[in-house]
Amino acid sequence: MEGENKSVLVEFFLRGLTDDTEVQPFIFGLFLCAYLITIFGNLLIMLAIKCDSHLHTPMYFFLCHLSVNDMYLVSIIVPKMLLNIQTQDQRITYAGCLSQGFFVAVCTLFECFLLGIMAYDRYVAICYPLTYKVIMSPCFCVTLILLSLFISVANGLLHSMMLLHLSFCTDWEILHFFCEIAQVIKLACSDSLINNILIFVTASIFAGVPLIEIIFSYIHIVSTVLKLPSSEGKYKAFSTCGSHLSVVSLFYGTGFGVYITSSVIDSPKEIAVASVMYSVVPPMMNPFIYCLRNKDMKEALQKVFGRAPLL
């Protein structure tokens, strides 16, 4: 009981990316710009999808949810980080840290599921075009979203509830810029073996299964596209998948980069910097990828702004 009482009363300290006060204004400006770009870019995608009836399809329904998830993810992390830099107050309550870790876990896993669902959507559209509307019915699409969200929330709750059983003694300093559950577990002075095993198992399953499904889908997509007689048909098919593949590569590539960095480099600061690559960069870059590489999105944005075609 004594350990549990300590856990309830504890305050954590987020060390951020650097202790150098001269660099912090630059970091503040950089992350503020990244946050505003992310919010504006994803709102732009949602506006374009809403205003263009041609984009009221499963593919853009899922893209809209991806944009909402990206905005939510950066809103969980970046504003608190900016507030800490501005006030020079690095404290975060135990409840606040637990909540932040929970929502980050939910958004990250939901992103994996969304990317997997979008790959399946492209697989059905290209490999089974005649039955596409039947398979990807509105009811089925909503069910996929709700099921993915349910699993993501359940996973986040599992790790958060397991975190409540840990006790924290005197080391309350998180060498990170947000409360990542794995980093919080490292501060526990009680046995955290089960927590670490759970993180490894759930991450391997819930992040690995969508990745395997994406690879499986694109193997069949490439095989089908190569059999198309016209080069125009091949180009159109590949162009609809190019944006999604770029987003998948960015998200999973940065995620694996963080995992490799944490395994090879025993430096919390460098791991924190690497974590920026999967938590902040992909949500910021996704709107650029879809707006610049997707012809339908460019035409929709042209209609929204009522000006010359976007390059």
C-alpha atoms as a PDB file:
ATOM      1  CA  MET A   1       0.000   0.000   0.000  1.00  0.00           C
ATOM      2  CA  GLU A   2       2.848   2.348   0.719  1.00  0.00           C
ATOM      3  CA  GLY A   3       4.197   1.960  -2.841  1.00  0.00           C
ATOM      4  CA  GLU A   4       0.748   2.598  -4.297  1.00  0.00           C
ATOM      5  CA  ASN A   5       0.330   5.779  -2.249  1.00  0.00           C
ATOM      6  CA  LYS A   6       3.642   7.043  -3.553  1.00  0.00           C
ATOM      7  CA  SER A   7       2.506   6.390  -7.119  1.00  0.00           C
ATOM      8  CA  VAL A   8      -0.678   8.417  -6.613  1.00  0.00           C
ATOM      9  CA  LEU A   9       1.127  11.438  -5.205  1.00  0.00           C
ATOM     10  CA  VAL A  10       4.091  11.501  -7.534  1.00  0.00           C
ATOM     11  CA  GLU A  11       4.845  14.248 -10.040  1.00  0.00           C
ATOM     12  CA  PHE A  12       7.005  13.498 -13.042  1.00  0.00           C
ATOM     13  CA  PHE A  13       9.446  15.816 -14.760  1.00  0.00           C
ATOM     14  CA  LEU A  14       9.704  15.863 -18.554  1.00  0.00           C
ATOM     15  CA  ARG A  15      13.292  16.749 -19.425  1.00  0.00           C
ATOM     16  CA  GLY A  16      12.462  17.462 -23.067  1.00  0.00           C
ATOM     17  CA  LEU A  17      14.947  17.313 -25.919  1.00  0.00           C
ATOM     18  CA  THR A  18      17.673  19.491 -24.434  1.00  0.00           C
ATOM     19  CA  ASP A  19      18.689  21.343 -21.274  1.00  0.00           C
ATOM     20  CA  ASP A  20      20.408  24.100 -23.262  1.00  0.00           C
ATOM     21  CA  THR A  21      18.369  27.268 -22.652  1.00  0.00           C
ATOM     22  CA  GLU A  22      19.824  28.893 -25.775  1.00  0.00           C
ATOM     23  CA  VAL A  23      18.503  26.115 -28.000  1.00  0.00           C
ATOM     24  CA  GLN A  24      15.055  25.928 -26.423  1.00  0.00           C
ATOM     25  CA  PRO A  25      13.623  29.003 -28.239  1.00  0.00           C
ATOM     26  CA  PHE A  26      14.607  27.399 -31.545  1.00  0.00           C
ATOM     27  CA  ILE A  27      12.963  24.122 -30.515  1.00  0.00           C
ATOM     28  CA  PHE A  28       9.864  26.034 -29.410  1.00  0.00           C
ATOM     29  CA  GLY A  29       9.571  27.773 -32.788  1.00  0.00           C
ATOM     30  CA  LEU A  30      10.281  24.576 -34.715  1.00  0.00           C
ATOM     31  CA  PHE A  31       7.642  22.527 -32.915  1.00  0.00           C
ATOM     32  CA  LEU A  32       5.112  25.357 -32.996  1.00  0.00           C
ATOM     33  CA  CYS A  33       5.495  25.559 -36.779  1.00  0.00           C
ATOM     34  CA  ALA A  34       5.264  21.772 -37.089  1.00  0.00           C
ATOM     35  CA  TYR A  35       2.102  21.750 -34.965  1.00  0.00           C
ATOM     36  CA  LEU A  36       0.393  24.522 -36.942  1.00  0.00           C
ATOM     37  CA  ILE A  37       1.349  22.922 -40.260  1.00  0.00           C
ATOM     38  CA  THR A  38      -0.016  19.573 -39.085  1.00  0.00           C
ATOM     39  CA  ILE A  39      -3.333  21.022 -37.928  1.00  0.00           C
ATOM     40  CA  PHE A  40      -3.795  23.225 -40.994  1.00  0.00           C
ATOM     41  CA  GLY A  41      -2.745  20.525 -43.471  1.00  0.00           C
ATOM     42  CA  ASN A  42      -5.010  17.840 -42.051  1.00  0.00           C
ATOM     43  CA  LEU A  43      -7.946  20.245 -41.738  1.00  0.00           C
ATOM     44  CA  LEU A  44      -7.385  21.086 -45.396  1.00  0.00           C
ATOM     45  CA  ILE A  45      -7.625  17.406 -46.344  1.00  0.00           C
ATOM     46  CA  MET A  46     -10.850  17.026 -44.359  1.00  0.00           C
ATOM     47  CA  LEU A  47     -12.323  20.166 -45.943  1.00  0.00           C
ATOM     48  CA  ALA A  48     -11.460  18.981 -49.448  1.00  0.00           C
ATOM     49  CA  ILE A  49     -13.039  15.579 -48.811  1.00  0.00           C
ATOM     50  CA  LYS A  50     -16.184  17.132 -47.351  1.00  0.00           C
ATOM     51  CA  CYS A  51     -16.632  19.652 -50.187  1.00  0.00           C
ATOM     52  CA  ASP A  52     -16.012  17.281 -53.122  1.00  0.00           C
ATOM     53  CA  SER A  53     -18.679  14.606 -53.553  1.00  0.00           C
ATOM     54  CA  HIS A  54     -16.319  12.617 -55.790  1.00  0.00           C
ATOM     55  CA  LEU A  55     -14.197  11.952 -52.717  1.00  0.00           C
ATOM     56  CA  HIS A  56     -17.046  10.431 -50.727  1.00  0.00           C
ATOM     57  CA  THR A  57     -15.571   6.960 -51.140  1.00  0.00           C
ATOM     58  CA  PRO A  58     -14.141   4.420 -48.668  1.00  0.00           C
ATOM     59  CA  MET A  59     -10.563   5.413 -49.514  1.00  0.00           C
ATOM     60  CA  TYR A  60     -11.118   9.047 -48.517  1.00  0.00           C
ATOM     61  CA  PHE A  61     -13.381   8.076 -45.615  1.00  0.00           C
ATOM     62  CA  PHE A  62     -10.376   6.280 -44.122  1.00  0.00           C
ATOM     63  CA  LEU A  63      -8.054   9.154 -45.069  1.00  0.00           C
ATOM     64  CA  CYS A  64     -10.323  11.556 -43.192  1.00  0.00           C
ATOM     65  CA  HIS A  65     -10.027   9.423 -40.058  1.00  0.00           C
ATOM     66  CA  LEU A  66      -6.254   9.277 -40.539  1.00  0.00           C
ATOM     67  CA  SER A  67      -6.168  13.093 -40.577  1.00  0.00           C
ATOM     68  CA  VAL A  68      -8.280  13.302 -37.405  1.00  0.00           C
ATOM     69  CA  ASN A  69      -6.001  10.794 -35.689  1.00  0.00           C
ATOM     70  CA  ASP A  70      -2.860  12.678 -36.742  1.00  0.00           C
ATOM     71  CA  MET A  71      -4.230  15.970 -35.422  1.00  0.00           C
ATOM     72  CA  TYR A  72      -5.180  14.348 -32.148  1.00  0.00           C
ATOM     73  CA  LEU A  73      -1.777  12.693 -31.754  1.00  0.00           C
ATOM     74  CA  VAL A  74       0.222  15.907 -32.126  1.00  0.00           C
ATOM     75  CA  SER A  75      -2.288  17.784 -29.939  1.00  0.00           C
ATOM     76  CA  ILE A  76      -1.606  15.322 -27.121  1.00  0.00           C
ATOM     77  CA  ILE A  77       2.167  15.778 -27.330  1.00  0.00           C
ATOM     78  CA  VAL A  78       3.204  19.159 -28.715  1.00  0.00           C
ATOM     79  CA  PRO A  79       1.129  21.748 -26.753  1.00  0.00           C
ATOM     80  CA  LYS A  80       2.324  20.346 -23.405  1.00  0.00           C
ATOM     81  CA  MET A  81       5.897  20.392 -24.670  1.00  0.00           C
ATOM     82  CA  LEU A  82       5.540  24.018 -25.830  1.00  0.00           C
ATOM     83  CA  LEU A  83       3.990  24.994 -22.483  1.00  0.00           C
ATOM     84  CA  ASN A  84       6.880  23.397 -20.602  1.00  0.00           C
ATOM     85  CA  ILE A  85       9.426  25.322 -22.677  1.00  0.00           C
ATOM     86  CA  GLN A  86       7.535  28.612 -22.363  1.00  0.00           C
ATOM     87  CA  THR A  87       7.013  28.410 -18.593  1.00  0.00           C
ATOM     88  CA  GLN A  88      10.272  26.572 -17.852  1.00  0.00           C
ATOM     89  CA  ASP A  89       8.137  24.236 -15.751  1.00  0.00           C
ATOM     90  CA  GLN A  90       8.791  20.604 -16.631  1.00  0.00           C
ATOM     91  CA  ARG A  91       6.353  19.075 -14.167  1.00  0.00           C
ATOM     92  CA  ILE A  92       3.452  16.841 -15.163  1.00  0.00           C
ATOM     93  CA  THR A  93       1.117  15.168 -12.705  1.00  0.00           C
ATOM     94  CA  TYR A  94       0.958  11.402 -12.395  1.00  0.00           C
ATOM     95  CA  ALA A  95      -2.628  11.412 -13.736  1.00  0.00           C
ATOM     96  CA  GLY A  96      -1.636  13.747 -16.567  1.00  0.00           C
ATOM     97  CA  CYS A  97       1.320  11.571 -17.516  1.00  0.00           C
ATOM     98  CA  LEU A  98      -0.789   8.432 -17.410  1.00  0.00           C
ATOM     99  CA  SER A  99      -3.468  10.069 -19.578  1.00  0.00           C
ATOM    100  CA  GLN A 100      -0.934  11.307 -22.116  1.00  0.00           C
ATOM    101  CA  GLY A 101       0.686   7.880 -22.364  1.00  0.00           C
ATOM    102  CA  PHE A 102      -2.730   6.258 -22.819  1.00  0.00           C
ATOM    103  CA  PHE A 103      -3.826   8.558 -25.649  1.00  0.00           C
ATOM    104  CA  VAL A 104      -0.469   8.331 -27.416  1.00  0.00           C
ATOM    105  CA  ALA A 105      -0.713   4.527 -27.314  1.00  0.00           C
ATOM    106  CA  VAL A 106      -4.283   4.649 -28.668  1.00  0.00           C
ATOM    107  CA  CYS A 107      -3.449   7.036 -31.519  1.00  0.00           C
ATOM    108  CA  THR A 108      -0.275   5.197 -32.521  1.00  0.00           C
ATOM    109  CA  LEU A 109      -2.001   1.818 -32.714  1.00  0.00           C
ATOM    110  CA  PHE A 110      -5.059   3.295 -34.451  1.00  0.00           C
ATOM    111  CA  GLU A 111      -2.700   4.722 -37.070  1.00  0.00           C
ATOM    112  CA  CYS A 112      -1.329   1.224 -37.722  1.00  0.00           C
ATOM    113  CA  PHE A 113      -4.838  -0.150 -38.161  1.00  0.00           C
ATOM    114  CA  LEU A 114      -5.880   2.701 -40.458  1.00  0.00           C
ATOM    115  CA  LEU A 115      -2.878   2.163 -42.721  1.00  0.00           C
ATOM    116  CA  GLY A 116      -3.699  -1.552 -42.871  1.00  0.00           C
ATOM    117  CA  ILE A 117      -7.358  -0.857 -43.678  1.00  0.00           C
ATOM    118  CA  MET A 118      -6.390   1.585 -46.414  1.00  0.00           C
ATOM    119  CA  ALA A 119      -4.121  -1.048 -47.966  1.00  0.00           C
ATOM    120  CA  TYR A 120      -6.993  -3.546 -47.916  1.00  0.00           C
ATOM    121  CA  ASP A 121      -9.237  -0.951 -49.554  1.00  0.00           C
ATOM    122  CA  ARG A 122      -6.738  -0.505 -52.413  1.00  0.00           C
ATOM    123  CA  TYR A 123      -6.389  -4.288 -52.702  1.00  0.00           C
ATOM    124  CA  VAL A 124     -10.140  -4.762 -53.151  1.00  0.00           C
ATOM    125  CA  ALA A 125     -10.435  -1.769 -55.511  1.00  0.00           C
ATOM    126  CA  ILE A 126      -7.698  -3.008 -57.854  1.00  0.00           C
ATOM    127  CA  CYS A 127      -7.995  -6.786 -57.576  1.00  0.00           C
ATOM    128  CA  TYR A 128     -11.800  -7.008 -57.318  1.00  0.00           C
ATOM    129  CA  PRO A 129     -13.137  -3.831 -58.974  1.00  0.00           C
ATOM    130  CA  LEU A 130     -16.514  -5.327 -59.953  1.00  0.00           C
ATOM    131  CA  THR A 131     -17.410  -6.217 -56.372  1.00  0.00           C
ATOM    132  CA  TYR A 132     -15.645  -3.273 -54.709  1.00  0.00           C
ATOM    133  CA  LYS A 133     -18.808  -1.374 -53.734  1.00  0.00           C
ATOM    134  CA  VAL A 134     -20.391  -4.544 -52.378  1.00  0.00           C
ATOM    135  CA  ILE A 135     -17.376  -5.522 -50.267  1.00  0.00           C
ATOM    136  CA  MET A 136     -16.480  -2.023 -49.071  1.00  0.00           C
ATOM    137  CA  SER A 137     -20.009  -1.086 -48.077  1.00  0.00           C
ATOM    138  CA  PRO A 138     -20.557   1.892 -45.736  1.00  0.00           C
ATOM    139  CA  CYS A 139     -21.559  -0.463 -42.930  1.00  0.00           C
ATOM    140  CA  PHE A 140     -18.388  -2.542 -43.363  1.00  0.00           C
ATOM    141  CA  CYS A 141     -16.186   0.572 -43.446  1.00  0.00           C
ATOM    142  CA  VAL A 142     -17.707   1.935 -40.226  1.00  0.00           C
ATOM    143  CA  THR A 143     -17.331  -1.487 -38.604  1.00  0.00           C
ATOM    144  CA  LEU A 144     -13.626  -1.584 -39.495  1.00  0.00           C
ATOM    145  CA  ILE A 145     -13.095   1.860 -37.951  1.00  0.00           C
ATOM    146  CA  LEU A 146     -15.012   1.062 -34.775  1.00  0.00           C
ATOM    147  CA  LEU A 147     -13.291  -2.311 -34.331  1.00  0.00           C
ATOM    148  CA  SER A 148      -9.863  -0.735 -34.820  1.00  0.00           C
ATOM    149  CA  LEU A 149     -10.667   2.029 -32.359  1.00  0.00           C
ATOM    150  CA  PHE A 150     -11.996  -0.470 -29.813  1.00  0.00           C
ATOM    151  CA  ILE A 151      -8.813  -2.585 -29.975  1.00  0.00           C
ATOM    152  CA  SER A 152      -6.644   0.545 -29.760  1.00  0.00           C
ATOM    153  CA  VAL A 153      -8.493   1.824 -26.676  1.00  0.00           C
ATOM    154  CA  ALA A 154      -8.434  -1.627 -25.054  1.00  0.00           C
ATOM    155  CA  ASN A 155      -4.681  -1.867 -25.664  1.00  0.00           C
ATOM    156  CA  GLY A 156      -4.103   1.602 -24.200  1.00  0.00           C
ATOM    157  CA  LEU A 157      -6.222   0.754 -21.151  1.00  0.00           C
ATOM    158  CA  LEU A 158      -4.348  -2.505 -20.631  1.00  0.00           C
ATOM    159  CA  HIS A 159      -0.964  -0.775 -20.453  1.00  0.00           C
ATOM    160  CA  SER A 160      -2.327   2.094 -18.355  1.00  0.00           C
ATOM    161  CA  MET A 161      -3.935  -0.257 -15.835  1.00  0.00           C
ATOM    162  CA  MET A 162      -0.740  -2.290 -15.609  1.00  0.00           C
ATOM    163  CA  LEU A 163       1.156   0.944 -14.982  1.00  0.00           C
ATOM    164  CA  LEU A 164      -1.066   1.636 -11.955  1.00  0.00           C
ATOM    165  CA  HIS A 165       0.357  -1.456 -10.241  1.00  0.00           C
ATOM    166  CA  LEU A 166       3.897  -0.059 -10.343  1.00  0.00           C
ATOM    167  CA  SER A 167       5.369   2.045  -7.580  1.00  0.00           C
ATOM    168  CA  PHE A 168       7.761   4.966  -8.036  1.00  0.00           C
ATOM    169  CA  CYS A 169      10.271   5.945  -5.396  1.00  0.00           C
ATOM    170  CA  THR A 170      12.569   8.914  -5.982  1.00  0.00           C
ATOM    171  CA  ASP A 171      13.509   8.863  -9.667  1.00  0.00           C
ATOM    172  CA  TRP A 172      10.663  10.818 -11.278  1.00  0.00           C
ATOM    173  CA  GLU A 173      12.589  12.363 -14.163  1.00  0.00           C
ATOM    174  CA  ILE A 174      11.469  11.198 -17.634  1.00  0.00           C
ATOM    175  CA  LEU A 175      14.255  11.728 -20.154  1.00  0.00           C
ATOM    176  CA  HIS A 176      11.750  12.362 -22.913  1.00  0.00           C
ATOM    177  CA  PHE A 177       9.499  15.151 -24.215  1.00  0.00           C
ATOM    178  CA  PHE A 178       6.257  13.280 -23.546  1.00  0.00           C
ATOM    179  CA  CYS A 179       5.030  10.461 -21.313  1.00  0.00           C
ATOM    180  CA  GLU A 180       5.695   7.427 -23.427  1.00  0.00           C
ATOM    181  CA  ILE A 181       4.551   4.408 -21.420  1.00  0.00           C
ATOM    182  CA  ALA A 182       7.775   2.488 -22.044  1.00  0.00           C
ATOM    183  CA  GLN A 183       9.799   5.403 -20.665  1.00  0.00           C
ATOM    184  CA  VAL A 184       7.603   5.707 -17.571  1.00  0.00           C
ATOM    185  CA  ILE A 185       7.998   1.988 -16.832  1.00  0.00           C
ATOM    186  CA  LYS A 186      11.780   2.451 -16.712  1.00  0.00           C
ATOM    187  CA  LEU A 187      11.354   4.709 -13.655  1.00  0.00           C
ATOM    188  CA  ALA A 188       9.496   2.124 -11.586  1.00  0.00           C
ATOM    189  CA  CYS A 189      11.229   0.782  -8.501  1.00  0.00           C
ATOM    190  CA  SER A 190       8.967  -2.301  -8.438  1.00  0.00           C
ATOM    191  CA  ASP A 191       9.158  -5.308 -10.762  1.00  0.00           C
ATOM    192  CA  SER A 192       8.128  -4.230 -14.284  1.00  0.00           C
ATOM    193  CA  LEU A 193       8.922  -7.440 -16.196  1.00  0.00           C
ATOM    194  CA  ILE A 194       5.267  -8.180 -16.999  1.00  0.00           C
ATOM    195  CA  ASN A 195       4.759  -4.613 -18.256  1.00  0.00           C
ATOM    196  CA  ASN A 196       7.733  -4.873 -20.594  1.00  0.00           C
ATOM    197  CA  ILE A 197       6.608  -8.264 -21.893  1.00  0.00           C
ATOM    198  CA  LEU A 198       3.111  -6.914 -22.549  1.00  0.00           C
ATOM    199  CA  ILE A 199       4.470  -3.950 -24.480  1.00  0.00           C
ATOM    200  CA  PHE A 200       6.653  -6.200 -26.622  1.00  0.00           C
ATOM    201  CA  VAL A 201       3.887  -8.731 -27.308  1.00  0.00           C
ATOM    202  CA  THR A 202       1.118  -6.232 -28.062  1.00  0.00           C
ATOM    203  CA  ALA A 203       3.389  -4.066 -30.205  1.00  0.00           C
ATOM    204  CA  SER A 204       4.569  -7.101 -32.180  1.00  0.00           C
ATOM    205  CA  ILE A 205       1.020  -8.330 -32.777  1.00  0.00           C
ATOM    206  CA  PHE A 206      -0.946  -5.127 -33.283  1.00  0.00           C
ATOM    207  CA  ALA A 207       1.724  -3.306 -35.289  1.00  0.00           C
ATOM    208  CA  GLY A 208       3.001  -6.427 -37.057  1.00  0.00           C
ATOM    209  CA  VAL A 209      -0.345  -7.799 -38.289  1.00  0.00           C
ATOM    210  CA  PRO A 210      -1.308  -4.591 -40.171  1.00  0.00           C
ATOM    211  CA  LEU A 211       2.190  -4.454 -41.685  1.00  0.00           C
ATOM    212  CA  ILE A 212       1.925  -8.071 -42.872  1.00  0.00           C
ATOM    213  CA  GLU A 213      -1.514  -7.298 -44.298  1.00  0.00           C
ATOM    214  CA  ILE A 214      -0.118  -4.251 -46.109  1.00  0.00           C
ATOM    215  CA  ILE A 215       2.700  -6.312 -47.633  1.00  0.00           C
ATOM    216  CA  PHE A 216       0.255  -9.073 -48.619  1.00  0.00           C
ATOM    217  CA  SER A 217      -2.123  -6.539 -50.207  1.00  0.00           C
ATOM    218  CA  TYR A 218       0.563  -4.849 -52.265  1.00  0.00           C
ATOM    219  CA  ILE A 219       2.028  -8.118 -53.474  1.00  0.00           C
ATOM    220  CA  HIS A 220      -1.370  -8.936 -54.976  1.00  0.00           C
ATOM    221  CA  ILE A 221      -1.855  -5.356 -56.197  1.00  0.00           C
ATOM    222  CA  VAL A 222       1.460  -5.370 -58.073  1.00  0.00           C
ATOM    223  CA  SER A 223       0.709  -8.798 -59.515  1.00  0.00           C
ATOM    224  CA  THR A 224      -2.704  -7.615 -60.751  1.00  0.00           C
ATOM    225  CA  VAL A 225      -1.473  -4.286 -62.118  1.00  0.00           C
ATOM    226  CA  LEU A 226       1.338  -5.894 -64.103  1.00  0.00           C
ATOM    227  CA  LYS A 227      -1.273  -7.986 -65.921  1.00  0.00           C
ATOM    228  CA  LEU A 228      -3.176  -4.903 -67.130  1.00  0.00           C
ATOM    229  CA  PRO A 229      -2.850  -4.471 -70.901  1.00  0.00           C
ATOM    230  CA  SER A 230      -2.584  -0.671 -71.055  1.00  0.00           C
ATOM    231  CA  SER A 231       0.194   1.420 -69.587  1.00  0.00           C
ATOM    232  CA  GLU A 232      -2.365   4.094 -68.727  1.00  0.00           C
ATOM    233  CA  GLY A 233      -4.268   1.614 -66.569  1.00  0.00           C
ATOM    234  CA  LYS A 234      -1.069   0.609 -64.812  1.00  0.00           C
ATOM    235  CA  TYR A 235      -0.157   4.230 -64.137  1.00  0.00           C
ATOM    236  CA  LYS A 236      -3.614   5.047 -62.761  1.00  0.00           C
ATOM    237  CA  ALA A 237      -3.577   1.991 -60.490  1.00  0.00           C
ATOM    238  CA  PHE A 238      -0.098   2.692 -59.133  1.00  0.00           C
ATOM    239  CA  SER A 239      -0.823   6.409 -58.698  1.00  0.00           C
ATOM    240  CA  THR A 240      -3.737   5.673 -56.360  1.00  0.00           C
ATOM    241  CA  CYS A 241      -1.398   3.595 -54.192  1.00  0.00           C
ATOM    242  CA  GLY A 242       1.647   5.870 -54.285  1.00  0.00           C
ATOM    243  CA  SER A 243       0.483   8.256 -51.565  1.00  0.00           C
ATOM    244  CA  HIS A 244      -0.506   5.445 -49.230  1.00  0.00           C
ATOM    245  CA  LEU A 245       2.779   3.612 -49.734  1.00  0.00           C
ATOM    246  CA  SER A 246       4.683   6.821 -48.967  1.00  0.00           C
ATOM    247  CA  VAL A 247       2.746   7.316 -45.718  1.00  0.00           C
ATOM    248  CA  VAL A 248       3.261   3.668 -44.717  1.00  0.00           C
ATOM    249  CA  SER A 249       6.997   3.909 -45.425  1.00  0.00           C
ATOM    250  CA  LEU A 250       7.276   7.124 -43.411  1.00  0.00           C
ATOM    251  CA  PHE A 251       5.326   5.843 -40.390  1.00  0.00           C
ATOM    252  CA  TYR A 252       6.754   2.334 -40.153  1.00  0.00           C
ATOM    253  CA  GLY A 253      10.222   3.446 -41.265  1.00  0.00           C
ATOM    254  CA  THR A 254      10.486   6.043 -38.505  1.00  0.00           C
ATOM    255  CA  GLY A 255       8.937   3.604 -36.005  1.00  0.00           C
ATOM    256  CA  PHE A 256      11.523   0.931 -36.765  1.00  0.00           C
ATOM    257  CA  GLY A 257      14.199   3.631 -36.679  1.00  0.00           C
ATOM    258  CA  VAL A 258      13.241   4.519 -33.107  1.00  0.00           C
ATOM    259  CA  TYR A 259      13.208   0.834 -32.118  1.00  0.00           C
ATOM    260  CA  ILE A 260      16.665   0.238 -33.615  1.00  0.00           C
ATOM    261  CA  THR A 261      17.981   3.443 -32.037  1.00  0.00           C
ATOM    262  CA  SER A 262      16.750   2.420 -28.591  1.00  0.00           C
ATOM    263  CA  SER A 263      18.311  -1.038 -29.022  1.00  0.00           C
ATOM    264  CA  VAL A 264      21.705   0.137 -30.266  1.00  0.00           C
ATOM    265  CA  ILE A 265      22.153   3.516 -28.556  1.00  0.00           C
ATOM    266  CA  ASP A 266      22.001   3.743 -24.780  1.00  0.00           C
ATOM    267  CA  SER A 267      21.240   7.458 -24.742  1.00  0.00           C
ATOM    268  CA  PRO A 268      17.790   8.617 -23.561  1.00  0.00           C
ATOM    269  CA  LYS A 269      18.265  12.034 -25.172  1.00  0.00           C
ATOM    270  CA  GLU A 270      19.022  10.568 -28.580  1.00  0.00           C
ATOM    271  CA  ILE A 271      16.079   8.171 -28.231  1.00  0.00           C
ATOM    272  CA  ALA A 272      13.842  11.154 -27.430  1.00  0.00           C
ATOM    273  CA  VAL A 273      15.054  12.972 -30.536  1.00  0.00           C
ATOM    274  CA  ALA A 274      14.466   9.835 -32.617  1.00  0.00           C
ATOM    275  CA  SER A 275      10.918   9.584 -31.209  1.00  0.00           C
ATOM    276  CA  VAL A 276      10.109  12.901 -32.881  1.00  0.00           C
ATOM    277  CA  MET A 277      10.403  11.055 -36.176  1.00  0.00           C
ATOM    278  CA  TYR A 278       7.388   8.823 -35.538  1.00  0.00           C
ATOM    279  CA  SER A 279       5.257  11.027 -33.281  1.00  0.00           C
ATOM    280  CA  VAL A 280       5.490  14.444 -34.953  1.00  0.00           C
ATOM    281  CA  VAL A 281       6.983  14.102 -38.444  1.00  0.00           C
ATOM    282  CA  PRO A 282       4.509  11.626 -40.060  1.00  0.00           C
ATOM    283  CA  PRO A 283       1.378  13.596 -39.028  1.00  0.00           C
ATOM    284  CA  MET A 284       2.993  16.748 -40.438  1.00  0.00           C
ATOM    285  CA  MET A 285       4.113  15.137 -43.698  1.00  0.00           C
ATOM    286  CA  ASN A 286       0.949  13.124 -44.486  1.00  0.00           C
ATOM    287  CA  PRO A 287      -1.020  16.142 -45.825  1.00  0.00           C
ATOM    288  CA  PHE A 288       1.878  17.080 -48.111  1.00  0.00           C
ATOM    289  CA  ILE A 289       2.128  13.527 -49.410  1.00  0.00           C
ATOM    290  CA  TYR A 290      -1.580  13.241 -50.205  1.00  0.00           C
ATOM    291  CA  CYS A 291      -1.948  16.784 -51.551  1.00  0.00           C
ATOM    292  CA  LEU A 292       1.093  16.635 -53.822  1.00  0.00           C
ATOM    293  CA  ARG A 293       0.934  13.026 -55.037  1.00  0.00           C
ATOM    294  CA  ASN A 294      -2.819  12.456 -55.302  1.00  0.00           C
ATOM    295  CA  LYS A 295      -4.529  13.866 -58.408  1.00  0.00           C
ATOM    296  CA  ASP A 296      -8.034  13.702 -56.919  1.00  0.00           C
ATOM    297  CA  MET A 297      -6.942  15.624 -53.835  1.00  0.00           C
ATOM    298  CA  LYS A 298      -5.281  18.312 -55.956  1.00  0.00           C
ATOM    299  CA  GLU A 299      -8.459  18.745 -58.011  1.00  0.00           C
ATOM    300  CA  ALA A 300     -10.565  18.893 -54.841  1.00  0.00           C
ATOM    301  CA  LEU A 301      -8.304  21.553 -53.338  1.00  0.00           C
ATOM    302  CA  GLN A 302      -8.490  23.476 -56.603  1.00  0.00           C
ATOM    303  CA  LYS A 303     -12.274  23.553 -56.258  1.00  0.00           C
ATOM    304  CA  VAL A 304     -12.055  24.625 -52.621  1.00  0.00           C
ATOM    305  CA  PHE A 305      -9.758  27.550 -53.359  1.00  0.00           C
ATOM    306  CA  GLY A 306     -11.171  28.227 -56.837  1.00  0.00           C
ATOM    307  CA  ARG A 307      -7.853  28.869 -58.522  1.00  0.00           C
ATOM    308  CA  ALA A 308      -5.402  27.363 -61.003  1.00  0.00           C
ATOM    309  CA  PRO A 309      -4.505  23.669 -60.721  1.00  0.00           C
ATOM    310  CA  LEU A 310      -2.046  22.827 -57.977  1.00  0.00           C
ATOM    311  CA  LEU A 311       1.381  21.657 -59.117  1.00  0.00           C
END
